[in-house]
Amino acid sequence: SGAKDDPADAQTHLTIVQRHQDQLMVWKPKPAQDRRLERLCHRRRKLVEMQVRARNVLASELEVFYPLALEVAGSDLASALSCAFLSRWPNLAALKRSRPDTIRRFYYAHGSRRGDVIEKRLQAIKEAKAVSEDPSLIDPCSAYVQALVLTLEGLAESIAKFDKAIEQAFAVHADHQLWSSFPAAGKVLAPRLAIAWTSDRERFKSAQEMQNYSGVAPVRNASGKRETVFRRYHRPLFLHQTFWEYAKLSALHCQWAKDYVESQVAKGSRRSTAYRSLAFKWQRIMFACWRDGKPYDDDHYTAKKQFQTTSVCANKAA
């Protein structure tokens, strides 16, 4: 019926624990190296989310009184270039008072050295008109922008410290070589894959356990002749994001992964669904590597995949 009753649910849980202990797994904490790395990765992600929110707030504020900054301060408002630009010129009046050569030298000093881009920005600054010259609007907004810039600079510094701590912790991890072998894993996703699977080889008995637990596997709901398939909404979000983000990134650096995504899109799947389907495939590969303690070999997997495809085609022809 879909009705929910907390006392009845609690009684059901108690009955399961009392009568069906043989069906339950004993909970064990993750190894210490995994717990430390997991907390570092989780906290880093929270800082990144704070950075995204602050960047979005800054963009909204600039649209109110200083829209030109969105065009000339750099494409990423959280970057060192954008923060330095807005810290020095928090409003259009301050920017207009600076000479073109001063602004040009600023861009060069902060790594922006494409002459055509700089000249286009200087022209935009020259032609820009103020949204308002009312100090009651400009002064509070300028102060707020500078406060947001300080927030973004502090978050960037903190994220860099977490990156260094994660790198050091992952360097001594038992499965460092294994997870670093996966294409496009890099400094961010390789540690997250390591804590997803952990170094405890008894934690998952099959790839399907991870696929279900992480929410990557779909749910099939069958009743009589009717069957529906839908995505899992109850899942550890950070874990789910790890596999989905890895699948998306791998499609840029791994040819078979890219071909798989494009084939799913050609069949009518949304790209986000195709990435989740690719994550499902990656989890089976990862489980085999994790279980055996062997790094991923893309050439070996591609050759094996081609052999299996050839065998299937030969069997169909026969």
Protein backbone atom coordinates (compact mmCIF):
# COMPACT_ATOMS: atom_id res chain seq x y z
CA SER A 1 0.00 0.00 0.00
CA GLY A 2 2.98 2.30 0.47
CA ALA A 3 1.89 3.18 4.01
CA LYS A 4 4.69 3.89 6.49
CA ASP A 5 4.71 3.25 10.21
CA ASP A 6 7.95 3.75 12.18
CA PRO A 7 7.09 1.40 15.10
CA ALA A 8 6.10 -1.36 12.67
CA ASP A 9 9.30 -0.81 10.68
CA ALA A 10 11.37 -1.00 13.86
CA GLN A 11 9.66 -4.24 14.83
CA THR A 12 10.43 -5.69 11.40
CA HIS A 13 14.09 -4.73 11.74
CA LEU A 14 14.24 -6.33 15.17
CA THR A 15 12.71 -9.54 13.84
CA ILE A 16 15.29 -9.70 11.05
CA VAL A 17 18.16 -9.24 13.51
CA GLN A 18 16.80 -11.84 15.92
CA ARG A 19 15.80 -14.56 13.48
CA HIS A 20 17.91 -14.13 10.37
CA GLN A 21 21.41 -13.32 11.53
CA ASP A 22 22.81 -15.83 9.04
CA GLN A 23 21.60 -13.55 6.25
CA LEU A 24 23.35 -10.47 7.63
CA MET A 25 26.94 -9.38 7.14
CA VAL A 26 29.08 -8.45 10.13
CA TRP A 27 30.02 -4.79 9.93
CA LYS A 28 33.73 -4.07 10.04
CA PRO A 29 35.35 -0.63 9.97
CA LYS A 30 37.50 0.16 6.97
CA PRO A 31 41.28 -0.06 7.41
CA ALA A 32 42.81 3.03 9.03
CA GLN A 33 44.56 4.17 5.83
CA ASP A 34 41.21 4.06 4.00
CA ARG A 35 39.37 5.96 6.73
CA ARG A 36 41.90 8.79 6.72
CA LEU A 37 41.95 9.05 2.94
CA GLU A 38 38.15 8.88 2.81
CA ARG A 39 37.73 11.78 5.23
CA LEU A 40 40.26 13.87 3.33
CA CYS A 41 38.45 13.25 0.02
CA HIS A 42 35.03 13.95 1.57
CA ARG A 43 36.17 17.24 3.11
CA ARG A 44 37.86 18.30 -0.09
CA ARG A 45 34.60 17.72 -1.95
CA LYS A 46 32.75 19.90 0.56
CA LEU A 47 35.26 22.69 0.00
CA VAL A 48 34.81 22.41 -3.76
CA GLU A 49 31.03 22.64 -3.33
CA MET A 50 31.50 25.75 -1.18
CA GLN A 51 33.74 27.17 -3.91
CA VAL A 52 31.09 26.55 -6.56
CA ARG A 53 28.41 28.24 -4.45
CA ALA A 54 30.62 31.27 -3.77
CA ARG A 55 31.48 31.53 -7.47
CA ASN A 56 27.81 31.45 -8.43
CA VAL A 57 26.98 34.14 -5.85
CA LEU A 58 29.82 36.28 -7.19
CA ALA A 59 28.56 35.91 -10.77
CA SER A 60 25.05 36.94 -9.69
CA GLU A 61 26.40 39.98 -7.87
CA LEU A 62 28.48 41.11 -10.83
CA GLU A 63 25.47 40.88 -13.12
CA VAL A 64 23.76 43.51 -10.95
CA PHE A 65 26.28 46.33 -11.20
CA TYR A 66 29.44 45.19 -13.04
CA PRO A 67 28.53 42.79 -15.90
CA LEU A 68 31.69 43.70 -17.83
CA ALA A 69 33.75 41.77 -15.24
CA LEU A 70 32.12 38.53 -16.37
CA GLU A 71 33.67 39.17 -19.78
CA VAL A 72 37.10 40.58 -18.94
CA ALA A 73 38.03 39.08 -15.54
CA GLY A 74 38.51 35.56 -16.87
CA SER A 75 36.30 32.61 -17.70
CA ASP A 76 36.55 31.07 -14.21
CA LEU A 77 35.70 33.48 -11.40
CA ALA A 78 37.39 31.17 -8.89
CA SER A 79 40.73 31.31 -10.72
CA ALA A 80 43.71 33.28 -9.43
CA LEU A 81 43.45 35.64 -12.42
CA SER A 82 39.79 36.52 -11.77
CA CYS A 83 40.28 36.95 -8.04
CA ALA A 84 43.27 39.22 -8.53
CA PHE A 85 41.39 41.22 -11.18
CA LEU A 86 38.32 41.79 -8.99
CA SER A 87 40.43 42.52 -5.93
CA ARG A 88 42.25 45.27 -7.83
CA TRP A 89 39.26 46.57 -9.82
CA PRO A 90 36.06 45.79 -7.86
CA ASN A 91 33.93 48.13 -9.99
CA LEU A 92 33.90 49.70 -13.44
CA ALA A 93 34.94 53.17 -12.23
CA ALA A 94 38.16 51.80 -10.74
CA LEU A 95 38.85 49.87 -13.93
CA LYS A 96 38.27 52.92 -16.13
CA ARG A 97 40.86 54.90 -14.16
CA SER A 98 43.62 52.46 -15.12
CA ARG A 99 45.63 52.88 -18.32
CA PRO A 100 45.45 50.16 -21.01
CA ASP A 101 49.17 49.40 -20.55
CA THR A 102 48.61 48.78 -16.83
CA ILE A 103 45.77 46.36 -17.55
CA ARG A 104 47.80 44.69 -20.32
CA ARG A 105 50.74 44.14 -17.94
CA PHE A 106 48.35 42.70 -15.36
CA TYR A 107 47.12 40.05 -17.80
CA TYR A 108 50.67 39.12 -18.77
CA ALA A 109 51.74 38.89 -15.13
CA HIS A 110 48.88 36.45 -14.40
CA GLY A 111 49.50 34.10 -17.32
CA SER A 112 46.99 35.50 -19.82
CA ARG A 113 49.18 36.30 -22.83
CA ARG A 114 47.06 35.88 -25.94
CA GLY A 115 47.37 39.25 -27.63
CA ASP A 116 44.07 39.04 -29.52
CA VAL A 117 42.14 38.17 -26.35
CA ILE A 118 43.77 40.98 -24.37
CA GLU A 119 43.07 43.57 -27.06
CA LYS A 120 39.45 42.44 -27.30
CA ARG A 121 39.09 42.86 -23.54
CA LEU A 122 40.71 46.30 -23.61
CA GLN A 123 38.30 47.39 -26.32
CA ALA A 124 35.36 46.12 -24.29
CA ILE A 125 36.61 48.07 -21.27
CA LYS A 126 36.94 51.23 -23.35
CA GLU A 127 33.40 50.97 -24.71
CA ALA A 128 31.73 49.84 -21.48
CA LYS A 129 29.02 51.99 -19.90
CA ALA A 130 28.26 51.94 -16.19
CA VAL A 131 25.02 50.28 -15.14
CA SER A 132 24.72 52.94 -12.47
CA GLU A 133 26.89 55.60 -10.87
CA ASP A 134 24.88 55.73 -7.67
CA PRO A 135 27.32 55.23 -4.75
CA SER A 136 24.52 53.68 -2.65
CA LEU A 137 24.56 50.76 -5.12
CA ILE A 138 28.20 50.66 -6.22
CA ASP A 139 29.93 50.87 -2.82
CA PRO A 140 28.06 48.03 -1.04
CA CYS A 141 28.27 45.80 -4.11
CA SER A 142 31.99 46.46 -4.50
CA ALA A 143 32.60 45.62 -0.84
CA TYR A 144 30.58 42.41 -1.21
CA VAL A 145 32.56 41.40 -4.30
CA GLN A 146 35.83 41.90 -2.45
CA ALA A 147 34.53 39.79 0.45
CA LEU A 148 33.57 37.00 -1.97
CA VAL A 149 36.99 37.22 -3.61
CA LEU A 150 38.67 36.75 -0.23
CA THR A 151 36.41 33.75 0.38
CA LEU A 152 37.34 32.19 -2.98
CA GLU A 153 41.04 32.81 -2.41
CA GLY A 154 40.85 31.18 1.01
CA LEU A 155 38.96 28.19 -0.38
CA ALA A 156 41.47 27.77 -3.20
CA GLU A 157 44.32 27.76 -0.69
CA SER A 158 42.51 25.22 1.51
CA ILE A 159 41.73 22.95 -1.45
CA ALA A 160 45.39 23.03 -2.45
CA LYS A 161 46.37 21.94 1.09
CA PHE A 162 43.87 19.09 0.97
CA ASP A 163 45.19 18.06 -2.45
CA LYS A 164 48.68 17.81 -1.00
CA ALA A 165 47.48 15.82 2.03
CA ILE A 166 45.50 13.45 -0.23
CA GLU A 167 48.49 12.99 -2.52
CA GLN A 168 50.71 12.10 0.44
CA ALA A 169 48.16 9.69 1.93
CA PHE A 170 47.47 8.02 -1.40
CA ALA A 171 51.18 7.63 -2.18
CA VAL A 172 51.55 5.14 0.68
CA HIS A 173 48.22 3.40 0.10
CA ALA A 174 48.43 -0.33 -0.50
CA ASP A 175 46.54 -0.06 -3.84
CA HIS A 176 48.19 3.10 -5.15
CA GLN A 177 49.56 1.45 -8.26
CA LEU A 178 46.32 -0.38 -8.99
CA TRP A 179 44.03 2.67 -9.02
CA SER A 180 46.57 4.92 -10.67
CA SER A 181 46.59 2.52 -13.64
CA PHE A 182 43.03 3.38 -14.68
CA PRO A 183 42.82 5.87 -17.55
CA ALA A 184 42.01 9.44 -16.51
CA ALA A 185 41.88 8.55 -12.79
CA GLY A 186 44.40 11.27 -11.96
CA LYS A 187 45.17 12.85 -8.59
CA VAL A 188 41.53 13.41 -7.65
CA LEU A 189 39.62 10.32 -8.78
CA ALA A 190 42.28 7.64 -8.16
CA PRO A 191 42.17 8.19 -4.35
CA ARG A 192 38.37 8.27 -4.47
CA LEU A 193 38.30 4.93 -6.29
CA ALA A 194 40.69 3.53 -3.68
CA ILE A 195 38.39 4.48 -0.79
CA ALA A 196 35.31 3.32 -2.72
CA TRP A 197 36.60 -0.25 -2.93
CA THR A 198 38.89 -0.07 0.14
CA SER A 199 41.94 -2.29 0.68
CA ASP A 200 39.81 -4.94 2.44
CA ARG A 201 39.28 -7.65 -0.21
CA GLU A 202 36.49 -9.24 1.86
CA ARG A 203 34.26 -6.17 1.69
CA PHE A 204 32.63 -7.00 -1.66
CA LYS A 205 32.02 -10.55 -2.87
CA SER A 206 31.03 -9.54 -6.39
CA ALA A 207 30.87 -6.57 -8.71
CA GLN A 208 27.09 -6.60 -8.37
CA GLU A 209 27.33 -5.81 -4.67
CA MET A 210 29.19 -2.60 -5.46
CA GLN A 211 26.90 -1.81 -8.40
CA ASN A 212 23.84 -2.06 -6.17
CA TYR A 213 25.36 -0.34 -3.15
CA SER A 214 26.70 2.62 -5.15
CA GLY A 215 23.36 3.11 -6.94
CA VAL A 216 24.88 2.63 -10.39
CA ALA A 217 22.87 -0.53 -11.09
CA PRO A 218 19.24 0.09 -12.13
CA VAL A 219 16.23 -1.23 -10.24
CA ARG A 220 13.90 -3.68 -12.00
CA ASN A 221 10.34 -3.74 -10.72
CA ALA A 222 8.34 -6.69 -12.08
CA SER A 223 4.71 -7.51 -11.44
CA GLY A 224 3.11 -10.17 -13.59
CA LYS A 225 3.89 -9.37 -17.21
CA ARG A 226 4.70 -5.76 -16.42
CA GLU A 227 8.30 -4.73 -15.81
CA THR A 228 9.76 -1.26 -15.28
CA VAL A 229 13.39 -0.22 -14.92
CA PHE A 230 14.43 2.97 -13.13
CA ARG A 231 17.50 4.46 -11.51
CA ARG A 232 18.31 4.08 -7.82
CA TYR A 233 17.65 7.20 -5.78
CA HIS A 234 18.64 5.79 -2.36
CA ARG A 235 22.41 5.55 -2.55
CA PRO A 236 25.60 6.99 -1.00
CA LEU A 237 25.77 10.19 -3.04
CA PHE A 238 29.53 10.76 -2.86
CA LEU A 239 30.23 7.16 -3.85
CA HIS A 240 27.77 7.34 -6.74
CA GLN A 241 29.31 10.60 -7.92
CA THR A 242 32.77 9.03 -7.86
CA PHE A 243 31.88 6.32 -10.37
CA TRP A 244 29.71 8.59 -12.55
CA GLU A 245 32.38 11.30 -12.71
CA TYR A 246 35.07 8.73 -13.46
CA ALA A 247 33.00 7.24 -16.30
CA LYS A 248 32.46 10.69 -17.80
CA LEU A 249 36.16 11.53 -17.63
CA SER A 250 37.26 8.14 -18.94
CA ALA A 251 35.21 8.69 -22.10
CA LEU A 252 37.61 11.54 -22.94
CA HIS A 253 40.78 9.45 -22.54
CA CYS A 254 39.81 5.84 -23.27
CA GLN A 255 38.78 4.95 -26.82
CA TRP A 256 36.53 1.98 -26.07
CA ALA A 257 34.77 3.97 -23.33
CA LYS A 258 34.17 6.85 -25.74
CA ASP A 259 32.85 4.46 -28.39
CA TYR A 260 30.52 2.86 -25.86
CA VAL A 261 29.03 6.20 -24.77
CA GLU A 262 28.50 7.28 -28.37
CA SER A 263 26.82 3.96 -29.20
CA GLN A 264 24.42 4.38 -26.26
CA VAL A 265 23.60 7.95 -27.29
CA ALA A 266 23.00 6.75 -30.87
CA LYS A 267 20.47 4.26 -29.50
CA GLY A 268 18.53 7.11 -27.89
CA SER A 269 19.94 7.19 -24.35
CA ARG A 270 20.62 10.49 -22.66
CA ARG A 271 24.30 11.19 -22.22
CA SER A 272 24.01 11.11 -18.42
CA THR A 273 22.38 7.68 -18.68
CA ALA A 274 25.15 6.52 -21.01
CA TYR A 275 27.77 7.59 -18.44
CA ARG A 276 25.96 5.66 -15.72
CA SER A 277 25.83 2.61 -17.99
CA LEU A 278 29.56 2.99 -18.65
CA ALA A 279 30.19 3.23 -14.90
CA PHE A 280 28.36 -0.11 -14.58
CA LYS A 281 30.86 -1.67 -17.02
CA TRP A 282 33.84 -0.05 -15.31
CA GLN A 283 32.76 -1.46 -11.96
CA ARG A 284 32.95 -5.01 -13.31
CA ILE A 285 36.45 -4.34 -14.64
CA MET A 286 37.49 -2.64 -11.41
CA PHE A 287 36.20 -5.53 -9.31
CA ALA A 288 38.32 -8.02 -11.26
CA CYS A 289 41.44 -5.85 -10.89
CA TRP A 290 40.72 -5.15 -7.21
CA ARG A 291 40.03 -8.81 -6.41
CA ASP A 292 43.24 -9.99 -8.08
CA GLY A 293 45.34 -7.00 -7.04
CA LYS A 294 46.38 -6.36 -10.65
CA PRO A 295 46.60 -2.91 -12.30
CA TYR A 296 44.35 -2.20 -15.27
CA ASP A 297 45.89 -2.85 -18.71
CA ASP A 298 43.94 -1.09 -21.45
CA ASP A 299 45.71 -2.92 -24.29
CA HIS A 300 44.96 -6.29 -22.69
CA TYR A 301 41.30 -5.41 -22.08
CA THR A 302 40.83 -4.06 -25.62
CA ALA A 303 42.42 -7.16 -27.16
CA LYS A 304 40.26 -9.43 -24.99
CA LYS A 305 37.13 -7.48 -25.89
CA GLN A 306 37.92 -7.74 -29.63
CA PHE A 307 38.52 -11.49 -29.27
CA GLN A 308 35.18 -11.99 -27.54
CA THR A 309 33.40 -9.98 -30.23
CA THR A 310 35.07 -12.02 -32.98
CA SER A 311 34.12 -15.28 -31.25
CA VAL A 312 30.47 -14.24 -30.95
CA CYS A 313 30.34 -13.26 -34.63
CA ALA A 314 31.93 -16.60 -35.62
CA ASN A 315 29.42 -18.55 -33.54
CA LYS A 316 26.51 -16.69 -35.09
CA ALA A 317 27.88 -17.36 -38.59
CA ALA A 318 28.25 -21.06 -37.78
